[in-house]
Structures are given as structure tokens and as C-alpha cells.
Amino acid sequence: MGSGFQGRTFLLLVDMELLALAAGIRQTRKVQDEEELVEAWESRGRGPNFIHVVLRPGNAAVQNIPLAPAEIRERFVRGFQG
């Protein structure tokens, strides 16, 4: 079992790209893999842009992160501070 919210999700039923278009974002793109993502990122125009990355559901079989929640937060914040 993964971490975080484990309740039922309706995200599989919502086309996020169509939602972005409905919100007025004209430049949207749906990508299925890393190659398409790189191409979409490199060819994006002036914003706003929306790239819908379609992911396979599930969790990878990996070990837990060996850091306390406070350490994770501090590293995250430092990443934005440069």
C-alpha cells in the first residue's frame, strides 16, 4: 500500500486537457511517455501552456524514503531558494 490518500479517485474519468481548454488555456498537449514530454516542453510557446502527462496507475516497489517529514520539507524549500 502506498502513502497518502488511498480513497477512490475520479481522475481516470476526467480529461485534464479538456478541462484546461475549458478554463481558457489554448495551448494544451497530452503526452504518453518521456519522449513526448520532452518534445512538448521544448516546443511550447508563450504561455499559458498545459501539458497533460498520462501516467500508469500504481506504485513502484521501492523502499520508503529514509528521511523524516521535516527533512523532506526542508530539502524541498531549499531547492526553491537555490
C-alpha atoms as a PDB file:
ATOM      1  CA  MET A   1       0.000   0.000   0.000  1.00  0.00           C
ATOM      2  CA  GLY A   2       1.268   3.466  -0.843  1.00  0.00           C
ATOM      3  CA  SER A   3       1.313   6.588   1.255  1.00  0.00           C
ATOM      4  CA  GLY A   4      -1.107   9.460   1.153  1.00  0.00           C
ATOM      5  CA  PHE A   5      -4.785   9.489   0.271  1.00  0.00           C
ATOM      6  CA  GLN A   6      -5.977   5.988  -0.575  1.00  0.00           C
ATOM      7  CA  GLY A   7      -9.628   6.771  -1.245  1.00  0.00           C
ATOM      8  CA  ARG A   8     -11.443   6.398  -4.533  1.00  0.00           C
ATOM      9  CA  THR A   9     -10.324   8.806  -7.226  1.00  0.00           C
ATOM     10  CA  PHE A  10     -12.200  10.011 -10.272  1.00  0.00           C
ATOM     11  CA  LEU A  11      -9.111  11.305 -12.061  1.00  0.00           C
ATOM     12  CA  LEU A  12      -9.242   8.398 -14.504  1.00  0.00           C
ATOM     13  CA  LEU A  13     -12.634   9.694 -15.625  1.00  0.00           C
ATOM     14  CA  VAL A  14     -11.587  13.331 -16.156  1.00  0.00           C
ATOM     15  CA  ASP A  15      -9.715  14.516 -19.243  1.00  0.00           C
ATOM     16  CA  MET A  16      -7.482  17.174 -17.716  1.00  0.00           C
ATOM     17  CA  GLU A  17      -6.532  18.545 -21.141  1.00  0.00           C
ATOM     18  CA  LEU A  18     -10.199  19.241 -21.928  1.00  0.00           C
ATOM     19  CA  LEU A  19     -10.593  20.857 -18.522  1.00  0.00           C
ATOM     20  CA  ALA A  20      -7.631  23.150 -19.285  1.00  0.00           C
ATOM     21  CA  LEU A  21      -9.187  24.067 -22.642  1.00  0.00           C
ATOM     22  CA  ALA A  22     -12.495  24.810 -20.907  1.00  0.00           C
ATOM     23  CA  ALA A  23     -10.608  27.090 -18.500  1.00  0.00           C
ATOM     24  CA  GLY A  24      -9.333  29.122 -21.445  1.00  0.00           C
ATOM     25  CA  ILE A  25      -5.850  27.677 -21.877  1.00  0.00           C
ATOM     26  CA  ARG A  26      -5.431  27.445 -25.639  1.00  0.00           C
ATOM     27  CA  GLN A  27      -2.049  25.733 -25.800  1.00  0.00           C
ATOM     28  CA  THR A  28      -2.548  22.242 -24.415  1.00  0.00           C
ATOM     29  CA  ARG A  29      -0.933  18.923 -25.123  1.00  0.00           C
ATOM     30  CA  LYS A  30      -1.416  15.354 -23.910  1.00  0.00           C
ATOM     31  CA  VAL A  31       1.696  13.151 -23.707  1.00  0.00           C
ATOM     32  CA  GLN A  32       2.129   9.443 -23.007  1.00  0.00           C
ATOM     33  CA  ASP A  33       5.871   8.996 -22.462  1.00  0.00           C
ATOM     34  CA  GLU A  34       9.142  10.761 -21.697  1.00  0.00           C
ATOM     35  CA  GLU A  35       9.978  11.406 -25.347  1.00  0.00           C
ATOM     36  CA  GLU A  36       6.638  13.114 -25.965  1.00  0.00           C
ATOM     37  CA  LEU A  37       7.050  15.129 -22.758  1.00  0.00           C
ATOM     38  CA  VAL A  38      10.474  16.430 -23.784  1.00  0.00           C
ATOM     39  CA  GLU A  39       9.152  17.357 -27.239  1.00  0.00           C
ATOM     40  CA  ALA A  40       6.099  19.117 -25.768  1.00  0.00           C
ATOM     41  CA  TRP A  41       8.264  21.034 -23.293  1.00  0.00           C
ATOM     42  CA  GLU A  42      10.809  22.118 -25.883  1.00  0.00           C
ATOM     43  CA  SER A  43       8.176  23.185 -28.421  1.00  0.00           C
ATOM     44  CA  ARG A  44       5.910  25.061 -26.020  1.00  0.00           C
ATOM     45  CA  GLY A  45       5.128  28.627 -26.934  1.00  0.00           C
ATOM     46  CA  ARG A  46       4.404  31.638 -24.798  1.00  0.00           C
ATOM     47  CA  GLY A  47       2.052  30.679 -22.025  1.00  0.00           C
ATOM     48  CA  PRO A  48      -0.101  29.832 -20.563  1.00  0.00           C
ATOM     49  CA  ASN A  49       0.562  26.223 -21.546  1.00  0.00           C
ATOM     50  CA  PHE A  50      -0.828  22.980 -20.177  1.00  0.00           C
ATOM     51  CA  ILE A  51       0.859  19.611 -20.633  1.00  0.00           C
ATOM     52  CA  HIS A  52      -1.232  16.655 -19.503  1.00  0.00           C
ATOM     53  CA  VAL A  53       1.135  13.790 -18.682  1.00  0.00           C
ATOM     54  CA  VAL A  54      -0.763  10.490 -18.718  1.00  0.00           C
ATOM     55  CA  LEU A  55       0.670   8.092 -16.127  1.00  0.00           C
ATOM     56  CA  ARG A  56       0.057   4.427 -15.455  1.00  0.00           C
ATOM     57  CA  PRO A  57      -1.639   3.923 -12.088  1.00  0.00           C
ATOM     58  CA  GLY A  58       0.181   2.122  -9.327  1.00  0.00           C
ATOM     59  CA  ASN A  59       3.186   2.332  -7.082  1.00  0.00           C
ATOM     60  CA  ALA A  60       6.692   1.143  -7.779  1.00  0.00           C
ATOM     61  CA  ALA A  61       8.112  -1.482  -5.445  1.00  0.00           C
ATOM     62  CA  VAL A  62      10.688   0.744  -3.754  1.00  0.00           C
ATOM     63  CA  GLN A  63      11.857   1.281  -0.187  1.00  0.00           C
ATOM     64  CA  ASN A  64      10.498   4.097   1.929  1.00  0.00           C
ATOM     65  CA  ILE A  65      12.398   7.390   1.880  1.00  0.00           C
ATOM     66  CA  PRO A  66      14.827   7.308   4.833  1.00  0.00           C
ATOM     67  CA  LEU A  67      14.097  10.911   5.877  1.00  0.00           C
ATOM     68  CA  ALA A  68      11.782  12.426   8.445  1.00  0.00           C
ATOM     69  CA  PRO A  69       8.930  14.567   7.072  1.00  0.00           C
ATOM     70  CA  ALA A  70      10.620  17.747   8.365  1.00  0.00           C
ATOM     71  CA  GLU A  71      13.826  16.849   6.497  1.00  0.00           C
ATOM     72  CA  ILE A  72      11.890  16.289   3.281  1.00  0.00           C
ATOM     73  CA  ARG A  73      10.186  19.672   3.665  1.00  0.00           C
ATOM     74  CA  GLU A  74      13.482  21.449   4.361  1.00  0.00           C
ATOM     75  CA  ARG A  75      15.131  19.917   1.286  1.00  0.00           C
ATOM     76  CA  PHE A  76      12.122  20.882  -0.824  1.00  0.00           C
ATOM     77  CA  VAL A  77      12.197  24.504   0.385  1.00  0.00           C
ATOM     78  CA  ARG A  78      15.985  24.743  -0.101  1.00  0.00           C
ATOM     79  CA  GLY A  79      15.505  23.615  -3.692  1.00  0.00           C
ATOM     80  CA  PHE A  80      13.436  26.731  -4.388  1.00  0.00           C
ATOM     81  CA  GLN A  81      15.829  29.025  -2.579  1.00  0.00           C
ATOM     82  CA  GLY A  82      18.752  27.978  -4.759  1.00  0.00           C
END
